[in-house]
Amino acid sequence: MTDGERLLDTNVLVHDYVWLDEKKQVTASAIVLPIWETGGGITTLQNLCEFFAVATKKVARPMPLGQAENIVREILSSTKWRVLDRREETVVHAMELVRERRAPFWDALIAACMLENGIEIIVTENERDFKRIPGITVTNPFRTTLRK
């Protein structure tokens, strides 16, 4: 990991809390657990919404709604996490990124929210889409997990 503030993308949260892949879960837990101990977690409200949707419906073994709701509520109420949200200008900026960089809208919206809040690093396995956006550095914690 690099120094500085970094935003955790939805896939890191999903890999930490949902049983999908043991190696990825170990990697994600090594990122998320220290946040609960010392703070410094950053994500967006959109990421939490995506997490809830994925964890409860879009995986082979969805978690119970109440469990996913508790995780989201804990992050929202925790002093260890900073949850960023968008403004009208964020949406406009995201649309410009879609047009100029051909970035997928929902990823562009996260990136615009990051840039408006001075966050330049995203921790995600979605390298392809976020690397299109100037000012964003992508750190893929699962890259070494995928190679042997």
N, C-alpha and C. Protein backbone atom coordinates (compact mmCIF):
# COMPACT_ATOMS: atom_id res chain seq x y z
N MET A 1 0.83 -1.19 0.00
CA MET A 1 0.00 0.00 0.00
C MET A 1 0.88 1.25 0.00
N THR A 2 0.36 2.26 -0.59
CA THR A 2 1.07 3.53 -0.59
C THR A 2 0.60 4.37 0.59
N ASP A 3 1.40 5.35 0.96
CA ASP A 3 1.01 6.25 2.03
C ASP A 3 -0.03 7.23 1.51
N GLY A 4 -0.75 7.84 2.42
CA GLY A 4 -1.74 8.82 2.04
C GLY A 4 -3.14 8.26 2.15
N GLU A 5 -4.09 9.17 2.04
CA GLU A 5 -5.48 8.75 2.12
C GLU A 5 -5.86 7.95 0.90
N ARG A 6 -6.64 6.92 1.13
CA ARG A 6 -7.06 6.06 0.03
C ARG A 6 -8.49 5.61 0.26
N LEU A 7 -9.22 5.50 -0.81
CA LEU A 7 -10.60 5.10 -0.74
C LEU A 7 -10.70 3.60 -1.02
N LEU A 8 -11.50 2.91 -0.23
CA LEU A 8 -11.75 1.49 -0.46
C LEU A 8 -12.97 1.34 -1.35
N ASP A 9 -12.78 0.65 -2.46
CA ASP A 9 -13.86 0.41 -3.39
C ASP A 9 -14.73 -0.74 -2.89
N THR A 10 -15.89 -0.85 -3.49
CA THR A 10 -16.88 -1.85 -3.11
C THR A 10 -16.30 -3.25 -3.06
N ASN A 11 -15.49 -3.62 -4.06
CA ASN A 11 -15.00 -5.00 -4.12
C ASN A 11 -14.12 -5.37 -2.92
N VAL A 12 -13.43 -4.42 -2.34
CA VAL A 12 -12.62 -4.71 -1.15
C VAL A 12 -13.54 -5.02 0.03
N LEU A 13 -14.59 -4.24 0.18
CA LEU A 13 -15.56 -4.50 1.26
C LEU A 13 -16.25 -5.84 1.05
N VAL A 14 -16.65 -6.12 -0.18
CA VAL A 14 -17.32 -7.40 -0.46
C VAL A 14 -16.39 -8.56 -0.15
N HIS A 15 -15.15 -8.49 -0.60
CA HIS A 15 -14.21 -9.59 -0.34
C HIS A 15 -13.91 -9.76 1.14
N ASP A 16 -14.00 -8.69 1.91
CA ASP A 16 -13.77 -8.83 3.35
C ASP A 16 -14.95 -9.49 4.05
N TYR A 17 -16.15 -9.09 3.71
CA TYR A 17 -17.32 -9.52 4.47
C TYR A 17 -18.09 -10.70 3.88
N VAL A 18 -17.88 -11.01 2.60
CA VAL A 18 -18.63 -12.09 1.95
C VAL A 18 -17.64 -13.18 1.54
N TRP A 19 -18.00 -14.42 1.84
CA TRP A 19 -17.13 -15.54 1.50
C TRP A 19 -17.21 -15.81 0.01
N LEU A 20 -16.18 -15.41 -0.74
CA LEU A 20 -16.11 -15.65 -2.18
C LEU A 20 -14.83 -16.38 -2.56
N ASP A 21 -13.72 -15.89 -2.02
CA ASP A 21 -12.40 -16.40 -2.38
C ASP A 21 -11.52 -16.22 -1.14
N GLU A 22 -10.99 -17.33 -0.64
CA GLU A 22 -10.24 -17.30 0.62
C GLU A 22 -9.04 -16.36 0.58
N LYS A 23 -8.25 -16.42 -0.49
CA LYS A 23 -7.06 -15.57 -0.58
C LYS A 23 -7.44 -14.10 -0.64
N LYS A 24 -8.47 -13.78 -1.41
CA LYS A 24 -8.91 -12.39 -1.50
C LYS A 24 -9.50 -11.92 -0.18
N GLN A 25 -10.17 -12.81 0.53
CA GLN A 25 -10.74 -12.42 1.82
C GLN A 25 -9.62 -12.11 2.83
N VAL A 26 -8.59 -12.91 2.83
CA VAL A 26 -7.45 -12.65 3.71
C VAL A 26 -6.82 -11.29 3.38
N THR A 27 -6.65 -11.02 2.10
CA THR A 27 -6.09 -9.74 1.66
C THR A 27 -6.98 -8.58 2.06
N ALA A 28 -8.28 -8.69 1.79
CA ALA A 28 -9.22 -7.62 2.12
C ALA A 28 -9.30 -7.39 3.62
N SER A 29 -9.29 -8.48 4.38
CA SER A 29 -9.35 -8.35 5.84
C SER A 29 -8.12 -7.64 6.39
N ALA A 30 -6.97 -7.87 5.77
CA ALA A 30 -5.74 -7.20 6.20
C ALA A 30 -5.81 -5.69 5.96
N ILE A 31 -6.70 -5.27 5.08
CA ILE A 31 -6.89 -3.85 4.81
C ILE A 31 -7.97 -3.27 5.73
N VAL A 32 -9.08 -3.98 5.87
CA VAL A 32 -10.24 -3.45 6.60
C VAL A 32 -10.07 -3.54 8.12
N LEU A 33 -9.54 -4.64 8.62
CA LEU A 33 -9.42 -4.81 10.08
C LEU A 33 -8.64 -3.68 10.75
N PRO A 34 -7.48 -3.27 10.22
CA PRO A 34 -6.76 -2.17 10.87
C PRO A 34 -7.56 -0.86 10.91
N ILE A 35 -8.46 -0.67 9.95
CA ILE A 35 -9.29 0.53 9.97
C ILE A 35 -10.17 0.52 11.22
N TRP A 36 -10.76 -0.62 11.51
CA TRP A 36 -11.62 -0.73 12.70
C TRP A 36 -10.82 -0.52 13.99
N GLU A 37 -9.51 -0.78 13.93
CA GLU A 37 -8.67 -0.62 15.12
C GLU A 37 -8.12 0.79 15.26
N THR A 38 -7.67 1.38 14.14
CA THR A 38 -6.98 2.67 14.24
C THR A 38 -7.61 3.80 13.44
N GLY A 39 -8.56 3.47 12.57
CA GLY A 39 -9.21 4.51 11.78
C GLY A 39 -8.56 4.70 10.42
N GLY A 40 -9.01 5.72 9.73
CA GLY A 40 -8.45 6.04 8.42
C GLY A 40 -9.21 5.46 7.24
N GLY A 41 -10.35 4.83 7.50
CA GLY A 41 -11.12 4.26 6.41
C GLY A 41 -11.88 5.34 5.65
N ILE A 42 -11.83 5.25 4.33
CA ILE A 42 -12.58 6.17 3.48
C ILE A 42 -13.30 5.35 2.43
N THR A 43 -14.56 5.65 2.25
CA THR A 43 -15.35 5.06 1.19
C THR A 43 -16.43 6.07 0.82
N THR A 44 -17.27 5.73 -0.14
CA THR A 44 -18.35 6.64 -0.50
C THR A 44 -19.68 6.01 -0.13
N LEU A 45 -20.68 6.85 -0.04
CA LEU A 45 -22.03 6.37 0.21
C LEU A 45 -22.44 5.41 -0.91
N GLN A 46 -22.04 5.73 -2.13
CA GLN A 46 -22.33 4.84 -3.26
C GLN A 46 -21.71 3.47 -3.05
N ASN A 47 -20.45 3.41 -2.57
CA ASN A 47 -19.81 2.12 -2.32
C ASN A 47 -20.59 1.30 -1.29
N LEU A 48 -21.10 1.97 -0.27
CA LEU A 48 -21.88 1.25 0.74
C LEU A 48 -23.19 0.72 0.16
N CYS A 49 -23.80 1.51 -0.71
CA CYS A 49 -25.03 1.04 -1.38
C CYS A 49 -24.72 -0.15 -2.27
N GLU A 50 -23.64 -0.06 -3.02
CA GLU A 50 -23.24 -1.18 -3.88
C GLU A 50 -22.93 -2.41 -3.04
N PHE A 51 -22.21 -2.22 -1.92
CA PHE A 51 -21.89 -3.34 -1.04
C PHE A 51 -23.17 -4.04 -0.60
N PHE A 52 -24.15 -3.29 -0.14
CA PHE A 52 -25.40 -3.87 0.33
C PHE A 52 -26.07 -4.68 -0.79
N ALA A 53 -26.12 -4.10 -1.98
CA ALA A 53 -26.76 -4.78 -3.11
C ALA A 53 -26.02 -6.06 -3.50
N VAL A 54 -24.71 -6.00 -3.57
CA VAL A 54 -23.91 -7.16 -3.96
C VAL A 54 -23.96 -8.24 -2.88
N ALA A 55 -23.74 -7.85 -1.65
CA ALA A 55 -23.65 -8.82 -0.56
C ALA A 55 -24.96 -9.56 -0.31
N THR A 56 -26.08 -8.93 -0.63
CA THR A 56 -27.37 -9.55 -0.34
C THR A 56 -28.05 -10.19 -1.54
N LYS A 57 -27.52 -9.96 -2.74
CA LYS A 57 -28.20 -10.50 -3.94
C LYS A 57 -27.27 -11.05 -5.01
N LYS A 58 -26.11 -10.46 -5.21
CA LYS A 58 -25.33 -10.73 -6.42
C LYS A 58 -24.16 -11.69 -6.21
N VAL A 59 -24.21 -12.48 -5.17
CA VAL A 59 -23.16 -13.46 -4.92
C VAL A 59 -23.81 -14.84 -4.77
N ALA A 60 -23.01 -15.88 -4.89
CA ALA A 60 -23.54 -17.24 -4.83
C ALA A 60 -24.26 -17.52 -3.50
N ARG A 61 -23.65 -17.05 -2.41
CA ARG A 61 -24.26 -17.24 -1.10
C ARG A 61 -24.47 -15.87 -0.45
N PRO A 62 -25.60 -15.23 -0.75
CA PRO A 62 -25.85 -13.89 -0.20
C PRO A 62 -25.94 -13.90 1.33
N MET A 63 -25.51 -12.81 1.93
CA MET A 63 -25.62 -12.70 3.37
C MET A 63 -27.03 -12.22 3.71
N PRO A 64 -27.49 -12.50 4.91
CA PRO A 64 -28.81 -12.01 5.32
C PRO A 64 -28.88 -10.48 5.27
N LEU A 65 -30.04 -9.97 4.92
CA LEU A 65 -30.23 -8.52 4.82
C LEU A 65 -29.80 -7.81 6.09
N GLY A 66 -30.20 -8.33 7.22
CA GLY A 66 -29.87 -7.69 8.51
C GLY A 66 -28.38 -7.60 8.76
N GLN A 67 -27.64 -8.62 8.37
CA GLN A 67 -26.19 -8.62 8.55
C GLN A 67 -25.54 -7.54 7.68
N ALA A 68 -25.96 -7.46 6.41
CA ALA A 68 -25.42 -6.43 5.53
C ALA A 68 -25.81 -5.04 6.01
N GLU A 69 -27.04 -4.91 6.47
CA GLU A 69 -27.50 -3.62 7.00
C GLU A 69 -26.66 -3.20 8.20
N ASN A 70 -26.36 -4.15 9.09
CA ASN A 70 -25.55 -3.83 10.27
C ASN A 70 -24.15 -3.37 9.88
N ILE A 71 -23.56 -4.01 8.89
CA ILE A 71 -22.22 -3.61 8.44
C ILE A 71 -22.25 -2.18 7.92
N VAL A 72 -23.23 -1.88 7.07
CA VAL A 72 -23.34 -0.53 6.51
C VAL A 72 -23.59 0.49 7.62
N ARG A 73 -24.49 0.18 8.54
CA ARG A 73 -24.78 1.10 9.64
C ARG A 73 -23.54 1.33 10.52
N GLU A 74 -22.78 0.27 10.77
CA GLU A 74 -21.57 0.40 11.59
C GLU A 74 -20.56 1.33 10.92
N ILE A 75 -20.38 1.18 9.63
CA ILE A 75 -19.45 2.06 8.91
C ILE A 75 -19.95 3.50 8.94
N LEU A 76 -21.25 3.68 8.68
CA LEU A 76 -21.84 5.03 8.67
C LEU A 76 -21.71 5.74 10.02
N SER A 77 -21.81 5.00 11.09
CA SER A 77 -21.81 5.63 12.42
C SER A 77 -20.43 5.65 13.07
N SER A 78 -19.46 5.00 12.46
CA SER A 78 -18.14 4.88 13.06
C SER A 78 -17.30 6.13 12.89
N THR A 79 -16.52 6.43 13.90
CA THR A 79 -15.55 7.53 13.80
C THR A 79 -14.28 7.05 13.09
N LYS A 80 -14.17 5.77 12.82
CA LYS A 80 -13.00 5.19 12.15
C LYS A 80 -13.09 5.32 10.63
N TRP A 81 -14.29 5.63 10.14
CA TRP A 81 -14.53 5.72 8.70
C TRP A 81 -15.01 7.12 8.33
N ARG A 82 -14.60 7.56 7.16
CA ARG A 82 -15.13 8.78 6.56
C ARG A 82 -15.89 8.35 5.31
N VAL A 83 -17.16 8.69 5.25
CA VAL A 83 -18.00 8.31 4.12
C VAL A 83 -18.28 9.56 3.31
N LEU A 84 -17.79 9.57 2.08
CA LEU A 84 -17.95 10.71 1.19
C LEU A 84 -19.26 10.60 0.43
N ASP A 85 -19.86 11.73 0.14
CA ASP A 85 -21.07 11.73 -0.67
C ASP A 85 -20.92 12.73 -1.79
N ARG A 86 -21.76 12.61 -2.77
CA ARG A 86 -21.69 13.47 -3.96
C ARG A 86 -22.58 14.69 -3.81
N ARG A 87 -22.29 15.66 -4.66
CA ARG A 87 -23.08 16.88 -4.77
C ARG A 87 -23.51 17.01 -6.22
N GLU A 88 -24.25 18.03 -6.52
CA GLU A 88 -24.67 18.24 -7.91
C GLU A 88 -23.46 18.38 -8.82
N GLU A 89 -22.44 19.11 -8.37
CA GLU A 89 -21.24 19.31 -9.17
C GLU A 89 -20.51 17.99 -9.41
N THR A 90 -20.62 17.07 -8.47
CA THR A 90 -19.97 15.77 -8.61
C THR A 90 -20.56 15.01 -9.79
N VAL A 91 -21.87 15.07 -9.91
CA VAL A 91 -22.56 14.38 -11.01
C VAL A 91 -22.13 14.98 -12.35
N VAL A 92 -22.04 16.29 -12.42
CA VAL A 92 -21.61 16.96 -13.65
C VAL A 92 -20.18 16.54 -13.99
N HIS A 93 -19.31 16.54 -12.99
CA HIS A 93 -17.92 16.12 -13.21
C HIS A 93 -17.87 14.68 -13.69
N ALA A 94 -18.68 13.81 -13.11
CA ALA A 94 -18.71 12.40 -13.53
C ALA A 94 -19.14 12.27 -14.98
N MET A 95 -20.14 13.04 -15.38
CA MET A 95 -20.58 12.97 -16.78
C MET A 95 -19.48 13.43 -17.73
N GLU A 96 -18.71 14.42 -17.30
CA GLU A 96 -17.58 14.88 -18.12
C GLU A 96 -16.53 13.78 -18.25
N LEU A 97 -16.28 13.05 -17.16
CA LEU A 97 -15.32 11.94 -17.20
C LEU A 97 -15.81 10.83 -18.13
N VAL A 98 -17.10 10.59 -18.14
CA VAL A 98 -17.67 9.59 -19.05
C VAL A 98 -17.42 10.02 -20.49
N ARG A 99 -17.70 11.27 -20.77
CA ARG A 99 -17.55 11.78 -22.13
C ARG A 99 -16.08 11.83 -22.55
N GLU A 100 -15.24 12.38 -21.69
CA GLU A 100 -13.84 12.62 -22.06
C GLU A 100 -12.96 11.39 -21.92
N ARG A 101 -13.24 10.54 -20.97
CA ARG A 101 -12.37 9.39 -20.67
C ARG A 101 -13.00 8.04 -20.94
N ARG A 102 -14.26 8.08 -21.37
CA ARG A 102 -15.02 6.86 -21.64
C ARG A 102 -15.05 5.93 -20.43
N ALA A 103 -15.11 6.53 -19.27
CA ALA A 103 -15.20 5.76 -18.03
C ALA A 103 -16.66 5.38 -17.79
N PRO A 104 -16.90 4.22 -17.21
CA PRO A 104 -18.27 3.86 -16.84
C PRO A 104 -18.82 4.88 -15.83
N PHE A 105 -20.07 5.23 -15.96
CA PHE A 105 -20.64 6.31 -15.15
C PHE A 105 -20.46 6.08 -13.66
N TRP A 106 -20.82 4.91 -13.15
CA TRP A 106 -20.79 4.71 -11.69
C TRP A 106 -19.37 4.79 -11.15
N ASP A 107 -18.39 4.33 -11.91
CA ASP A 107 -16.99 4.47 -11.49
C ASP A 107 -16.55 5.93 -11.59
N ALA A 108 -17.00 6.61 -12.63
CA ALA A 108 -16.67 8.03 -12.78
C ALA A 108 -17.25 8.85 -11.63
N LEU A 109 -18.41 8.45 -11.16
CA LEU A 109 -19.03 9.16 -10.04
C LEU A 109 -18.22 8.99 -8.76
N ILE A 110 -17.73 7.78 -8.52
CA ILE A 110 -16.85 7.55 -7.36
C ILE A 110 -15.57 8.37 -7.51
N ALA A 111 -14.98 8.34 -8.71
CA ALA A 111 -13.74 9.08 -8.95
C ALA A 111 -13.94 10.59 -8.77
N ALA A 112 -15.03 11.11 -9.29
CA ALA A 112 -15.30 12.54 -9.13
C ALA A 112 -15.45 12.90 -7.66
N CYS A 113 -16.12 12.06 -6.91
CA CYS A 113 -16.29 12.29 -5.47
C CYS A 113 -14.93 12.27 -4.77
N MET A 114 -14.09 11.33 -5.16
CA MET A 114 -12.74 11.26 -4.59
C MET A 114 -11.96 12.53 -4.86
N LEU A 115 -11.92 12.93 -6.13
CA LEU A 115 -11.13 14.10 -6.51
C LEU A 115 -11.61 15.37 -5.82
N GLU A 116 -12.92 15.51 -5.67
CA GLU A 116 -13.46 16.68 -4.98
C GLU A 116 -13.08 16.72 -3.51
N ASN A 117 -12.74 15.56 -2.96
CA ASN A 117 -12.37 15.48 -1.55
C ASN A 117 -10.88 15.28 -1.35
N GLY A 118 -10.10 15.44 -2.42
CA GLY A 118 -8.65 15.36 -2.31
C GLY A 118 -8.11 13.95 -2.11
N ILE A 119 -8.89 12.94 -2.48
CA ILE A 119 -8.45 11.56 -2.36
C ILE A 119 -7.99 11.12 -3.74
N GLU A 120 -6.74 10.71 -3.85
CA GLU A 120 -6.18 10.37 -5.15
C GLU A 120 -5.93 8.87 -5.34
N ILE A 121 -6.03 8.09 -4.27
CA ILE A 121 -5.73 6.66 -4.35
C ILE A 121 -6.99 5.86 -4.10
N ILE A 122 -7.26 4.90 -4.98
CA ILE A 122 -8.37 3.98 -4.78
C ILE A 122 -7.81 2.57 -4.67
N VAL A 123 -8.28 1.84 -3.68
CA VAL A 123 -7.90 0.45 -3.48
C VAL A 123 -9.03 -0.38 -4.08
N THR A 124 -8.72 -1.04 -5.20
CA THR A 124 -9.75 -1.75 -5.96
C THR A 124 -9.10 -2.79 -6.85
N GLU A 125 -9.88 -3.79 -7.24
CA GLU A 125 -9.40 -4.70 -8.27
C GLU A 125 -9.84 -4.25 -9.65
N ASN A 126 -10.60 -3.17 -9.73
CA ASN A 126 -11.08 -2.62 -10.99
C ASN A 126 -10.06 -1.62 -11.55
N GLU A 127 -8.93 -2.12 -11.94
CA GLU A 127 -7.87 -1.26 -12.45
C GLU A 127 -8.26 -0.59 -13.77
N ARG A 128 -8.83 -1.36 -14.66
CA ARG A 128 -9.10 -0.89 -16.03
C ARG A 128 -9.91 0.40 -16.05
N ASP A 129 -11.00 0.44 -15.31
CA ASP A 129 -11.88 1.61 -15.39
C ASP A 129 -11.33 2.82 -14.65
N PHE A 130 -10.72 2.62 -13.49
CA PHE A 130 -10.23 3.77 -12.72
C PHE A 130 -8.93 4.33 -13.28
N LYS A 131 -8.13 3.52 -13.97
CA LYS A 131 -6.89 4.04 -14.56
C LYS A 131 -7.16 5.01 -15.70
N ARG A 132 -8.36 5.04 -16.20
CA ARG A 132 -8.73 5.97 -17.28
C ARG A 132 -8.86 7.41 -16.77
N ILE A 133 -8.94 7.57 -15.47
CA ILE A 133 -9.30 8.86 -14.90
C ILE A 133 -8.06 9.58 -14.36
N PRO A 134 -7.73 10.74 -14.94
CA PRO A 134 -6.55 11.48 -14.48
C PRO A 134 -6.71 11.91 -13.03
N GLY A 135 -5.62 11.81 -12.29
CA GLY A 135 -5.63 12.22 -10.90
C GLY A 135 -5.93 11.07 -9.94
N ILE A 136 -6.25 9.90 -10.49
CA ILE A 136 -6.56 8.74 -9.66
C ILE A 136 -5.44 7.71 -9.82
N THR A 137 -4.91 7.25 -8.70
CA THR A 137 -3.93 6.17 -8.69
C THR A 137 -4.62 4.92 -8.18
N VAL A 138 -4.47 3.84 -8.90
CA VAL A 138 -5.12 2.58 -8.55
C VAL A 138 -4.13 1.66 -7.85
N THR A 139 -4.54 1.15 -6.71
CA THR A 139 -3.80 0.12 -6.01
C THR A 139 -4.67 -1.12 -5.97
N ASN A 140 -4.19 -2.20 -6.60
CA ASN A 140 -4.93 -3.45 -6.62
C ASN A 140 -4.30 -4.41 -5.61
N PRO A 141 -4.92 -4.57 -4.44
CA PRO A 141 -4.33 -5.43 -3.43
C PRO A 141 -4.40 -6.91 -3.79
N PHE A 142 -5.24 -7.23 -4.76
CA PHE A 142 -5.44 -8.63 -5.14
C PHE A 142 -4.52 -9.07 -6.26
N ARG A 143 -3.79 -8.13 -6.83
CA ARG A 143 -2.90 -8.47 -7.95
C ARG A 143 -1.92 -9.56 -7.56
N THR A 144 -1.27 -9.43 -6.44
CA THR A 144 -0.31 -10.45 -6.01
C THR A 144 -1.04 -11.71 -5.57
N THR A 145 -2.28 -11.56 -5.12
CA THR A 145 -3.08 -12.71 -4.73
C THR A 145 -3.39 -13.56 -5.96
N LEU A 146 -3.55 -12.92 -7.11
CA LEU A 146 -3.93 -13.63 -8.31
C LEU A 146 -2.77 -14.37 -8.95
N ARG A 147 -1.55 -13.93 -8.68
CA ARG A 147 -0.37 -14.56 -9.28
C ARG A 147 0.24 -15.55 -8.30
N LYS A 148 0.92 -16.53 -8.85
CA LYS A 148 1.64 -17.47 -7.97
C LYS A 148 3.10 -17.40 -8.31
